[in-house]
N, C-alpha and C. Protein backbone atom coordinates (compact mmCIF):
# COMPACT_ATOMS: atom_id res chain seq x y z
N MET A 1 69.21 138.93 96.56
CA MET A 1 69.92 137.77 95.35
C MET A 1 68.84 137.35 94.36
N ARG A 2 69.00 137.30 93.15
CA ARG A 2 68.29 136.63 92.21
C ARG A 2 69.30 135.62 91.51
N GLN A 3 68.59 134.46 91.53
CA GLN A 3 69.51 133.31 90.95
C GLN A 3 69.19 133.39 89.14
N VAL A 4 70.22 133.44 88.43
CA VAL A 4 70.02 133.28 87.18
C VAL A 4 70.80 132.34 86.66
N GLY A 5 69.97 131.13 86.22
CA GLY A 5 71.00 129.75 85.96
C GLY A 5 71.53 129.21 87.19
N SER A 6 72.69 128.86 86.89
CA SER A 6 73.34 128.78 88.25
C SER A 6 74.25 129.45 89.07
N ARG A 7 74.22 130.55 88.35
CA ARG A 7 74.87 131.90 89.13
C ARG A 7 73.50 132.64 89.85
N VAL A 8 74.24 133.43 90.73
CA VAL A 8 73.44 134.72 91.79
C VAL A 8 73.84 135.83 91.19
N ARG A 9 72.66 136.72 91.07
CA ARG A 9 73.31 138.00 90.44
C ARG A 9 72.62 138.92 91.72
N PRO A 10 73.11 139.89 92.44
CA PRO A 10 72.62 140.67 93.13
C PRO A 10 71.33 141.61 92.62
N ALA A 11 70.47 141.47 93.57
CA ALA A 11 69.08 142.52 93.11
C ALA A 11 69.75 144.03 93.24
N GLY A 12 69.10 144.44 91.70
CA GLY A 12 69.71 145.92 91.72
C GLY A 12 70.48 145.89 90.31
N ALA A 13 71.50 144.68 90.16
CA ALA A 13 72.28 144.67 89.61
C ALA A 13 72.33 144.90 88.05
N ALA A 14 72.78 145.43 87.07
CA ALA A 14 72.62 145.21 85.94
C ALA A 14 72.34 144.26 84.91
N VAL A 15 71.65 144.08 84.32
CA VAL A 15 71.11 142.96 83.23
C VAL A 15 72.34 143.09 82.06
N PRO A 16 72.98 141.86 81.97
CA PRO A 16 73.73 142.00 80.78
C PRO A 16 73.31 142.11 79.51
N ALA A 17 74.18 143.08 78.58
CA ALA A 17 73.57 143.49 77.46
C ALA A 17 72.93 142.54 76.66
N LEU A 18 73.77 141.27 76.70
CA LEU A 18 72.99 139.90 75.73
C LEU A 18 71.83 139.48 76.13
N LEU A 19 71.73 139.82 77.13
CA LEU A 19 70.05 139.19 78.00
C LEU A 19 69.03 140.25 77.77
N ARG A 20 69.51 141.09 77.57
CA ARG A 20 68.32 142.41 77.56
C ARG A 20 67.61 141.76 76.46
N PRO A 21 66.52 142.54 76.12
CA PRO A 21 65.34 142.39 74.83
C PRO A 21 65.95 143.26 73.79
N ALA A 22 66.01 143.05 72.58
CA ALA A 22 66.54 143.82 71.69
C ALA A 22 65.37 144.89 71.02
N HIS A 23 65.16 145.69 70.70
CA HIS A 23 63.78 146.56 69.76
C HIS A 23 64.59 147.07 68.87
N PRO A 24 63.71 147.22 67.62
CA PRO A 24 64.30 147.70 66.35
C PRO A 24 64.40 149.24 66.70
N GLN A 25 65.21 149.92 66.25
CA GLN A 25 65.17 151.73 66.39
C GLN A 25 63.97 152.14 65.98
N GLY A 26 63.52 152.95 66.81
CA GLY A 26 62.09 153.40 66.73
C GLY A 26 60.97 152.74 67.49
N HIS A 27 61.10 151.70 67.81
CA HIS A 27 60.29 150.53 68.46
C HIS A 27 60.22 151.46 69.97
N GLU A 28 61.41 151.63 70.56
CA GLU A 28 61.57 151.97 71.85
C GLU A 28 59.95 152.69 72.52
N PRO A 29 60.24 153.79 71.93
CA PRO A 29 58.56 154.47 72.67
C PRO A 29 57.37 154.05 72.70
N ASP A 30 57.08 153.15 71.82
CA ASP A 30 56.05 152.49 71.71
C ASP A 30 55.85 151.10 72.86
N VAL A 31 56.66 150.96 73.49
CA VAL A 31 56.66 149.68 73.77
C VAL A 31 56.42 150.00 75.65
N ARG A 32 55.42 149.01 76.07
CA ARG A 32 54.76 149.11 77.51
C ARG A 32 54.41 147.93 77.79
N ARG A 33 54.71 147.83 79.12
CA ARG A 33 54.38 146.23 79.87
C ARG A 33 52.56 146.31 80.08
N ALA A 34 51.76 145.48 79.61
CA ALA A 34 50.63 145.26 80.08
C ALA A 34 50.27 144.79 81.50
N GLY A 35 49.31 145.27 82.18
CA GLY A 35 49.12 145.01 83.31
C GLY A 35 48.93 143.78 83.91
N ALA A 36 48.76 142.97 85.05
CA ALA A 36 48.13 141.75 85.44
C ALA A 36 47.27 141.09 84.84
N ARG A 37 47.07 140.15 84.24
CA ARG A 37 45.54 139.30 83.83
C ARG A 37 45.20 140.44 82.42
N GLY A 38 46.09 141.06 81.88
CA GLY A 38 45.54 141.52 80.49
C GLY A 38 45.16 142.79 80.74
N GLY A 39 45.16 143.51 81.60
CA GLY A 39 44.77 144.81 82.31
C GLY A 39 45.49 146.10 81.58
N PRO A 40 45.07 146.99 81.56
CA PRO A 40 45.44 148.36 80.72
C PRO A 40 47.03 148.58 81.11
N PRO A 41 47.93 148.88 80.10
CA PRO A 41 49.23 149.50 80.56
C PRO A 41 49.51 149.89 81.59
N ARG A 42 50.28 149.36 82.41
CA ARG A 42 50.95 150.07 83.81
C ARG A 42 51.87 151.51 83.68
N GLY A 43 52.11 151.15 82.32
CA GLY A 43 53.10 152.52 82.15
C GLY A 43 54.84 152.62 82.84
N ASP A 44 55.03 151.27 82.88
CA ASP A 44 56.26 151.31 83.60
C ASP A 44 57.50 150.92 82.84
N GLY A 45 57.13 151.07 81.43
CA GLY A 45 58.37 150.83 80.61
C GLY A 45 58.36 149.26 79.78
N GLY A 46 57.21 148.58 80.14
CA GLY A 46 57.47 147.09 79.78
C GLY A 46 56.83 147.08 78.44
N VAL A 47 55.98 145.55 77.92
CA VAL A 47 55.82 145.39 76.87
C VAL A 47 54.23 145.17 76.32
N THR A 48 53.69 145.63 75.63
CA THR A 48 52.20 145.41 75.16
C THR A 48 52.30 145.21 73.82
N ARG A 49 51.12 144.91 73.26
CA ARG A 49 50.94 144.53 72.10
C ARG A 49 50.27 145.44 71.34
N GLY A 50 50.44 146.59 72.23
CA GLY A 50 49.88 148.06 71.49
C GLY A 50 50.55 148.32 69.96
N GLU A 51 51.07 149.53 70.20
CA GLU A 51 51.70 149.83 68.74
C GLU A 51 53.18 149.61 68.80
N SER A 52 53.27 148.10 68.79
CA SER A 52 54.63 147.92 68.94
C SER A 52 54.84 146.67 67.69
N GLY A 53 56.12 146.23 67.47
CA GLY A 53 56.30 144.88 66.87
C GLY A 53 55.71 145.19 65.56
N PRO A 54 55.22 143.81 64.77
CA PRO A 54 54.29 144.36 63.69
C PRO A 54 53.57 145.11 63.14
N LEU A 55 52.79 145.54 64.67
CA LEU A 55 51.75 146.89 64.33
C LEU A 55 52.86 148.09 63.82
N LEU A 56 54.16 148.33 63.72
CA LEU A 56 54.51 149.40 63.34
C LEU A 56 54.74 149.16 61.76
N SER A 57 54.55 147.92 61.33
CA SER A 57 55.35 147.98 59.78
C SER A 57 54.20 148.20 58.75
N PRO A 58 54.05 149.14 57.72
CA PRO A 58 53.19 149.27 56.87
C PRO A 58 52.61 148.29 56.08
N GLY A 59 53.92 147.14 55.59
CA GLY A 59 53.32 145.89 54.96
C GLY A 59 52.77 145.25 55.66
N PHE A 60 52.49 144.93 57.15
CA PHE A 60 51.66 144.10 57.84
C PHE A 60 50.32 144.85 57.67
N TRP A 61 50.24 146.14 57.85
CA TRP A 61 48.99 146.75 57.81
C TRP A 61 48.47 146.40 56.54
N LEU A 62 49.78 146.43 55.22
CA LEU A 62 48.93 146.54 53.84
C LEU A 62 48.65 145.04 53.30
N HIS A 63 49.21 144.20 53.89
CA HIS A 63 48.66 142.62 54.17
C HIS A 63 46.98 142.30 54.95
N GLN A 64 47.02 143.50 56.05
CA GLN A 64 45.73 143.13 56.92
C GLN A 64 44.54 143.45 55.83
N ALA A 65 44.99 144.84 55.17
CA ALA A 65 44.01 145.42 54.33
C ALA A 65 43.82 144.55 53.35
N ALA A 66 44.61 144.14 52.66
CA ALA A 66 44.13 143.27 51.46
C ALA A 66 43.45 141.93 51.77
N LEU A 67 43.53 141.22 53.04
CA LEU A 67 42.60 140.46 53.50
C LEU A 67 41.33 140.52 53.44
N ALA A 68 41.13 141.83 54.08
CA ALA A 68 40.08 142.52 54.45
C ALA A 68 39.09 142.92 52.95
N TRP A 69 40.08 143.37 52.42
CA TRP A 69 39.63 144.09 50.98
C TRP A 69 39.25 142.80 50.29
N ARG A 70 39.58 141.58 50.18
CA ARG A 70 39.21 140.23 49.51
C ARG A 70 38.12 139.20 50.11
N ALA A 71 38.28 139.31 51.27
CA ALA A 71 37.20 138.61 51.95
C ALA A 71 35.82 139.66 51.62
N GLU A 72 35.75 140.89 51.77
CA GLU A 72 34.53 141.45 51.23
C GLU A 72 34.28 141.02 49.66
N LEU A 73 35.37 141.35 48.84
CA LEU A 73 35.08 141.34 47.60
C LEU A 73 34.74 139.93 47.15
N ASP A 74 35.15 138.65 48.05
CA ASP A 74 34.74 137.34 47.94
C ASP A 74 33.00 137.04 48.47
N ALA A 75 32.85 138.00 49.33
CA ALA A 75 31.46 137.49 49.88
C ALA A 75 30.54 138.15 48.89
N ARG A 76 30.77 139.41 48.20
CA ARG A 76 29.95 139.97 47.25
C ARG A 76 30.17 139.60 45.82
N LEU A 77 31.02 138.69 45.58
CA LEU A 77 31.10 137.99 44.03
C LEU A 77 30.49 136.83 44.25
N ARG A 78 30.30 135.93 45.32
CA ARG A 78 29.71 134.66 45.55
C ARG A 78 28.20 134.80 44.99
N PRO A 79 27.37 135.48 44.95
CA PRO A 79 26.00 135.70 44.43
C PRO A 79 26.17 135.43 43.15
N LEU A 80 27.16 135.91 42.30
CA LEU A 80 27.67 135.77 40.87
C LEU A 80 28.10 134.37 40.35
N GLY A 81 28.40 133.64 41.37
CA GLY A 81 29.20 132.52 41.04
C GLY A 81 30.74 132.62 40.47
N LEU A 82 31.33 133.70 41.38
CA LEU A 82 32.51 134.02 40.64
C LEU A 82 33.57 133.87 42.15
N THR A 83 34.75 133.74 42.28
CA THR A 83 35.65 133.70 43.32
C THR A 83 36.43 135.01 42.90
N PRO A 84 37.23 135.80 43.54
CA PRO A 84 37.78 136.83 43.15
C PRO A 84 39.20 136.38 42.18
N THR A 85 39.82 135.14 42.52
CA THR A 85 40.47 135.23 41.28
C THR A 85 39.84 134.68 39.64
N GLN A 86 38.62 134.08 40.01
CA GLN A 86 37.69 133.79 38.66
C GLN A 86 37.40 135.21 38.07
N PHE A 87 37.15 136.14 39.07
CA PHE A 87 36.49 137.70 38.79
C PHE A 87 37.80 138.15 37.89
N LEU A 88 39.08 137.96 38.97
CA LEU A 88 40.34 138.94 38.08
C LEU A 88 40.58 138.31 36.59
N LEU A 89 40.64 137.14 36.48
CA LEU A 89 40.97 136.83 34.99
C LEU A 89 39.72 136.95 34.27
N LEU A 90 38.69 136.83 34.62
CA LEU A 90 37.24 137.27 33.53
C LEU A 90 37.58 138.81 33.36
N ALA A 91 37.75 139.49 34.30
CA ALA A 91 37.80 141.07 34.11
C ALA A 91 38.79 141.28 33.28
N SER A 92 40.21 140.89 33.57
CA SER A 92 41.35 140.83 32.87
C SER A 92 41.14 140.69 31.61
N THR A 93 40.81 139.69 31.14
CA THR A 93 40.55 139.22 29.84
C THR A 93 40.00 139.90 29.03
N GLY A 94 38.58 140.49 29.67
CA GLY A 94 37.72 141.24 29.06
C GLY A 94 38.43 142.92 28.76
N TRP A 95 39.03 143.31 29.41
CA TRP A 95 39.99 144.66 29.45
C TRP A 95 41.07 144.39 28.29
N LEU A 96 41.74 143.74 28.69
CA LEU A 96 42.40 143.15 27.63
C LEU A 96 42.33 143.19 26.02
N GLU A 97 41.28 142.18 25.71
CA GLU A 97 40.57 142.13 24.18
C GLU A 97 39.84 143.13 24.31
N HIS A 98 39.20 144.34 25.14
CA HIS A 98 38.66 145.62 24.53
C HIS A 98 39.98 146.47 23.88
N VAL A 99 41.09 146.71 24.78
CA VAL A 99 42.07 147.62 24.48
C VAL A 99 42.89 147.16 23.36
N ASP A 100 42.99 145.77 23.11
CA ASP A 100 44.28 145.47 21.84
C ASP A 100 43.78 144.09 21.33
N GLY A 101 42.51 143.51 21.13
CA GLY A 101 42.20 142.39 20.46
C GLY A 101 42.52 141.14 21.96
N PRO A 102 41.96 140.15 21.32
CA PRO A 102 41.76 139.01 22.22
C PRO A 102 43.17 138.78 22.94
N PRO A 103 43.60 138.83 24.12
CA PRO A 103 44.75 138.30 25.16
C PRO A 103 45.15 137.01 24.95
N THR A 104 46.55 136.58 25.16
CA THR A 104 46.55 135.20 25.26
C THR A 104 46.72 134.59 26.56
N GLN A 105 46.56 133.71 26.87
CA GLN A 105 46.24 133.21 28.26
C GLN A 105 47.23 133.59 29.66
N GLN A 106 48.45 133.73 28.84
CA GLN A 106 49.65 134.12 29.69
C GLN A 106 49.40 135.61 29.97
N GLU A 107 49.42 136.68 28.79
CA GLU A 107 48.82 138.00 29.26
C GLU A 107 47.96 138.11 30.55
N ALA A 108 46.83 137.44 29.91
CA ALA A 108 45.51 137.57 30.91
C ALA A 108 46.05 137.21 32.28
N ALA A 109 46.71 136.25 32.75
CA ALA A 109 47.40 135.85 33.92
C ALA A 109 48.47 136.67 34.50
N GLU A 110 49.29 137.13 33.79
CA GLU A 110 50.21 138.56 34.22
C GLU A 110 49.47 139.71 34.62
N GLN A 111 47.97 140.26 33.85
CA GLN A 111 47.56 140.85 34.13
C GLN A 111 46.68 141.07 35.63
N ALA A 112 46.18 139.54 35.40
CA ALA A 112 45.16 139.52 36.95
C ALA A 112 46.55 139.45 38.36
N GLY A 113 47.78 138.82 37.86
CA GLY A 113 48.53 138.71 39.14
C GLY A 113 48.65 136.99 39.40
N ALA A 114 48.17 136.48 38.59
CA ALA A 114 47.67 134.79 38.84
C ALA A 114 48.95 134.32 38.40
N ASP A 115 49.28 133.23 39.26
CA ASP A 115 50.56 131.96 38.59
C ASP A 115 49.68 131.39 37.40
N ARG A 116 51.01 130.92 36.41
CA ARG A 116 50.44 130.80 35.19
C ARG A 116 49.50 129.18 35.38
N MET A 117 50.00 128.50 36.14
CA MET A 117 49.29 127.17 36.32
C MET A 117 47.87 127.07 36.62
N MET A 118 47.61 127.79 37.67
CA MET A 118 46.34 128.11 38.53
C MET A 118 45.74 128.61 37.41
N ALA A 119 46.35 129.81 36.82
CA ALA A 119 45.19 130.40 35.64
C ALA A 119 44.86 129.69 34.74
N SER A 120 45.58 128.95 34.23
CA SER A 120 45.25 128.00 33.27
C SER A 120 44.21 127.35 33.83
N LYS A 121 44.05 126.33 34.76
CA LYS A 121 43.00 125.81 35.41
C LYS A 121 42.00 126.73 35.78
N VAL A 122 41.82 127.93 35.85
CA VAL A 122 40.48 128.41 36.42
C VAL A 122 40.03 129.18 34.90
N LEU A 123 40.74 129.59 33.96
CA LEU A 123 40.39 129.55 32.89
C LEU A 123 39.93 128.81 32.25
N ARG A 124 40.04 127.21 32.25
CA ARG A 124 39.40 126.18 31.53
C ARG A 124 38.17 126.26 32.52
N GLY A 125 37.94 125.98 33.88
CA GLY A 125 36.79 126.19 34.21
C GLY A 125 35.68 127.32 33.78
N LEU A 126 36.38 128.20 33.64
CA LEU A 126 35.44 129.68 32.95
C LEU A 126 34.88 129.30 31.72
N GLU A 127 35.40 128.55 30.70
CA GLU A 127 35.56 128.23 29.45
C GLU A 127 34.18 127.15 29.64
N GLU A 128 34.33 126.32 30.69
CA GLU A 128 33.46 125.09 30.58
C GLU A 128 32.05 125.95 31.02
N ARG A 129 31.81 126.95 31.74
CA ARG A 129 30.72 127.59 32.33
C ARG A 129 30.60 128.40 30.98
N GLY A 130 30.80 128.01 29.80
CA GLY A 130 30.75 129.28 28.86
C GLY A 130 30.78 130.67 28.76
N LEU A 131 31.65 131.11 29.71
CA LEU A 131 32.11 132.84 29.54
C LEU A 131 32.92 133.02 28.84
N LEU A 132 33.91 131.77 28.77
CA LEU A 132 35.03 132.49 27.79
C LEU A 132 35.32 131.25 26.58
N VAL A 133 36.22 131.58 25.59
CA VAL A 133 36.49 130.59 24.37
C VAL A 133 37.93 130.67 24.40
N ARG A 134 38.75 129.82 24.57
CA ARG A 134 40.37 129.58 24.17
C ARG A 134 40.31 129.19 23.16
N GLU A 135 41.47 129.62 22.31
CA GLU A 135 41.79 129.03 20.93
C GLU A 135 43.07 128.99 20.63
N ALA A 136 43.54 128.53 19.89
CA ALA A 136 44.84 128.06 19.45
C ALA A 136 45.33 129.49 18.74
N HIS A 137 46.81 130.05 19.40
CA HIS A 137 47.48 131.10 18.77
C HIS A 137 47.56 131.07 17.23
N GLU A 138 47.55 131.99 16.66
CA GLU A 138 47.80 131.69 14.95
C GLU A 138 49.02 131.62 14.87
N THR A 139 50.49 132.06 15.51
CA THR A 139 51.86 131.55 15.53
C THR A 139 52.16 131.08 16.63
N ASP A 140 51.67 130.60 17.69
CA ASP A 140 52.53 130.00 18.85
C ASP A 140 51.71 128.96 19.09
N ALA A 141 52.27 127.71 18.34
CA ALA A 141 51.62 126.56 18.88
C ALA A 141 51.30 126.20 20.53
N ARG A 142 52.35 126.88 21.64
CA ARG A 142 51.91 126.65 22.93
C ARG A 142 51.41 127.71 23.24
N ALA A 143 50.70 128.89 22.51
CA ALA A 143 49.69 130.11 23.14
C ALA A 143 48.08 129.54 22.93
N LEU A 144 47.63 130.05 23.48
CA LEU A 144 46.21 130.20 23.28
C LEU A 144 45.43 131.62 23.67
N ARG A 145 44.74 132.00 22.63
CA ARG A 145 43.94 133.23 22.73
C ARG A 145 42.65 133.26 23.24
N LEU A 146 42.28 134.27 24.31
CA LEU A 146 41.09 134.29 24.94
C LEU A 146 39.99 135.40 24.26
N THR A 147 38.60 134.68 24.30
CA THR A 147 37.78 136.03 23.94
C THR A 147 36.68 135.53 24.75
N LEU A 148 35.94 136.52 25.47
CA LEU A 148 34.83 136.63 26.30
C LEU A 148 33.79 136.09 25.13
N THR A 149 32.58 135.77 25.66
CA THR A 149 31.53 135.31 25.48
C THR A 149 30.42 136.38 25.84
N GLU A 150 29.12 136.24 25.08
CA GLU A 150 28.27 137.64 25.80
C GLU A 150 28.03 137.20 27.04
N ASP A 151 27.91 135.81 27.58
CA ASP A 151 27.36 135.90 29.00
C ASP A 151 28.65 136.15 29.44
N GLY A 152 30.00 135.90 29.14
CA GLY A 152 31.16 136.45 29.94
C GLY A 152 31.13 137.69 29.93
N ARG A 153 31.44 138.58 29.13
CA ARG A 153 31.15 140.13 29.04
C ARG A 153 29.85 140.51 30.03
N ALA A 154 28.95 140.02 29.98
CA ALA A 154 27.81 140.43 31.01
C ALA A 154 28.22 140.27 32.45
N LEU A 155 28.83 138.89 32.59
CA LEU A 155 29.13 138.86 33.89
C LEU A 155 30.11 139.60 34.81
N ALA A 156 31.13 139.88 33.26
CA ALA A 156 32.26 140.60 33.93
C ALA A 156 31.97 142.22 34.25
N ARG A 157 30.86 142.53 33.34
CA ARG A 157 30.32 143.79 33.59
C ARG A 157 29.45 144.06 34.90
N ARG A 158 28.80 142.94 35.61
CA ARG A 158 28.34 143.18 36.83
C ARG A 158 29.23 142.88 37.76
N ALA A 159 30.52 141.98 37.77
CA ALA A 159 31.38 141.87 38.78
C ALA A 159 32.20 143.04 39.00
N THR A 160 32.48 144.07 37.66
CA THR A 160 33.26 144.70 38.04
C THR A 160 32.57 145.83 38.84
N GLN A 161 31.21 146.44 38.39
CA GLN A 161 30.46 147.02 38.95
C GLN A 161 30.41 146.65 40.69
N VAL A 162 30.49 145.36 41.05
CA VAL A 162 30.60 144.76 42.47
C VAL A 162 32.10 145.43 42.87
N ALA A 163 32.82 145.02 42.07
CA ALA A 163 34.79 145.58 42.67
C ALA A 163 34.50 146.89 42.96
N ARG A 164 33.86 147.76 42.20
CA ARG A 164 33.96 149.10 42.33
C ARG A 164 33.39 149.50 43.69
N ASP A 165 31.99 148.76 43.97
CA ASP A 165 31.23 148.96 44.84
C ASP A 165 32.21 149.10 46.35
N VAL A 166 33.14 147.80 46.20
CA VAL A 166 33.84 147.35 47.31
C VAL A 166 35.10 148.36 47.41
N ASP A 167 35.83 148.78 46.62
CA ASP A 167 36.65 149.70 46.69
C ASP A 167 36.19 151.05 46.94
N ALA A 168 34.52 151.23 46.68
CA ALA A 168 34.39 152.37 47.06
C ALA A 168 34.24 152.96 48.79
N MET A 169 33.74 151.68 49.37
CA MET A 169 33.52 151.30 50.74
C MET A 169 34.90 151.23 51.64
N PHE A 170 35.85 150.50 50.99
CA PHE A 170 37.01 150.68 51.37
C PHE A 170 37.86 151.77 51.55
N PHE A 171 37.93 152.41 50.25
CA PHE A 171 38.81 153.66 50.33
C PHE A 171 38.10 155.10 49.98
N GLY A 172 36.73 155.05 49.68
CA GLY A 172 36.19 156.49 49.20
C GLY A 172 36.91 157.15 48.75
N ALA A 173 37.12 158.62 49.14
CA ALA A 173 37.61 159.58 48.37
C ALA A 173 39.31 159.49 48.36
N GLU A 174 39.95 158.97 49.06
CA GLU A 174 41.21 158.74 49.15
C GLU A 174 41.54 157.64 48.16
N SER A 175 40.96 157.18 47.36
CA SER A 175 41.13 156.33 46.15
C SER A 175 42.31 156.79 44.99
N ALA A 176 42.27 157.96 44.77
CA ALA A 176 43.28 158.18 43.81
C ALA A 176 44.43 158.11 44.60
N ASP A 177 45.05 158.83 45.62
CA ASP A 177 46.16 159.00 45.91
C ASP A 177 46.77 157.66 46.61
N LEU A 178 45.63 156.57 47.15
CA LEU A 178 46.05 155.31 47.31
C LEU A 178 46.59 154.69 45.97
N ARG A 179 45.64 154.87 45.18
CA ARG A 179 45.90 153.89 43.98
C ARG A 179 47.35 153.98 43.64
N GLY A 180 47.85 155.46 43.49
CA GLY A 180 48.89 155.60 42.93
C GLY A 180 50.44 155.21 43.87
N THR A 181 49.87 155.24 45.28
CA THR A 181 50.75 154.57 46.04
C THR A 181 50.95 152.80 46.11
N LEU A 182 49.63 152.51 45.85
CA LEU A 182 49.75 150.89 45.71
C LEU A 182 50.42 150.50 44.48
N ARG A 183 50.36 151.38 43.45
CA ARG A 183 50.70 150.76 42.03
C ARG A 183 52.03 150.82 42.30
N ARG A 184 53.01 152.13 42.73
CA ARG A 184 54.37 152.27 42.92
C ARG A 184 54.63 150.90 43.63
N ILE A 185 54.08 150.52 44.88
CA ILE A 185 54.54 149.51 45.33
C ILE A 185 54.09 148.26 44.53
N ALA A 186 53.67 147.88 43.79
CA ALA A 186 53.09 146.63 43.07
C ALA A 186 53.76 146.59 42.12
N GLU A 187 54.23 147.75 41.23
CA GLU A 187 55.24 147.72 40.22
C GLU A 187 56.78 147.11 40.77
N GLN A 188 56.97 146.86 41.67
CA GLN A 188 58.38 146.62 42.29
C GLN A 188 58.50 145.10 42.61
N ARG A 189 57.23 144.47 42.10
CA ARG A 189 57.23 143.14 41.98
C ARG A 189 58.26 142.56 41.04
N GLY A 190 58.71 141.69 41.88
CA GLY A 190 60.01 140.94 41.02
C GLY A 190 60.92 141.76 40.69
N GLY A 191 60.96 143.00 41.06
CA GLY A 191 62.28 143.69 40.66
C GLY A 191 63.67 143.20 41.02
N GLY A 192 63.84 142.57 42.53
CA GLY A 192 64.86 142.65 43.16
C GLY A 192 65.56 141.10 42.33
N GLU A 193 64.76 140.30 41.64
CA GLU A 193 65.24 138.98 41.03
C GLU A 193 65.57 139.54 39.86
N ARG A 194 64.70 140.78 39.05
CA ARG A 194 65.17 140.97 37.95
C ARG A 194 66.71 141.75 38.03
N ASP A 195 67.16 142.46 39.10
CA ASP A 195 68.42 143.20 39.17
C ASP A 195 69.44 142.10 39.44
N ARG A 196 69.09 140.87 39.37
CA ARG A 196 70.24 139.72 39.99
C ARG A 196 71.03 139.39 38.76
């Protein structure tokens, strides 16, 4: 007999469904129990942290991969005096300026995927370092146009090569296929809000 709360359940009696752990469909085959003291799986149908739970989620691995990529990028940009956010805003400004003339601060923030308020603060810092110029928009008093200085362009080129090297290290020959997949995912950003 086994005592459960204030009741007694006969040994071997079925555990009521409400007391059994629920596993999402598709997780059951991957669930095993680790041996005593963290040893290898015993193979008796219990639970381990192996290939179960969040480890089955592509989103979990996308997040982990993004953290690893960003940490490597951060380490390699540091000698240039840039953070990943500063780099993304500087490079986005330079690219937009190259293809369509000086962008607005908002356009650069959107291209970089940065929050508007944070982008404003970061861009102000880049301006103070002499890497870009922010000028009043010709028709919109609330907007600012951005132009990289010669120093800003040179630094953006060096930092872009650093980012390419990090991409090659992480993604190698699979980069084109992966880029297409990630782009499709990224383009869904905010889609749920737009559909409401």
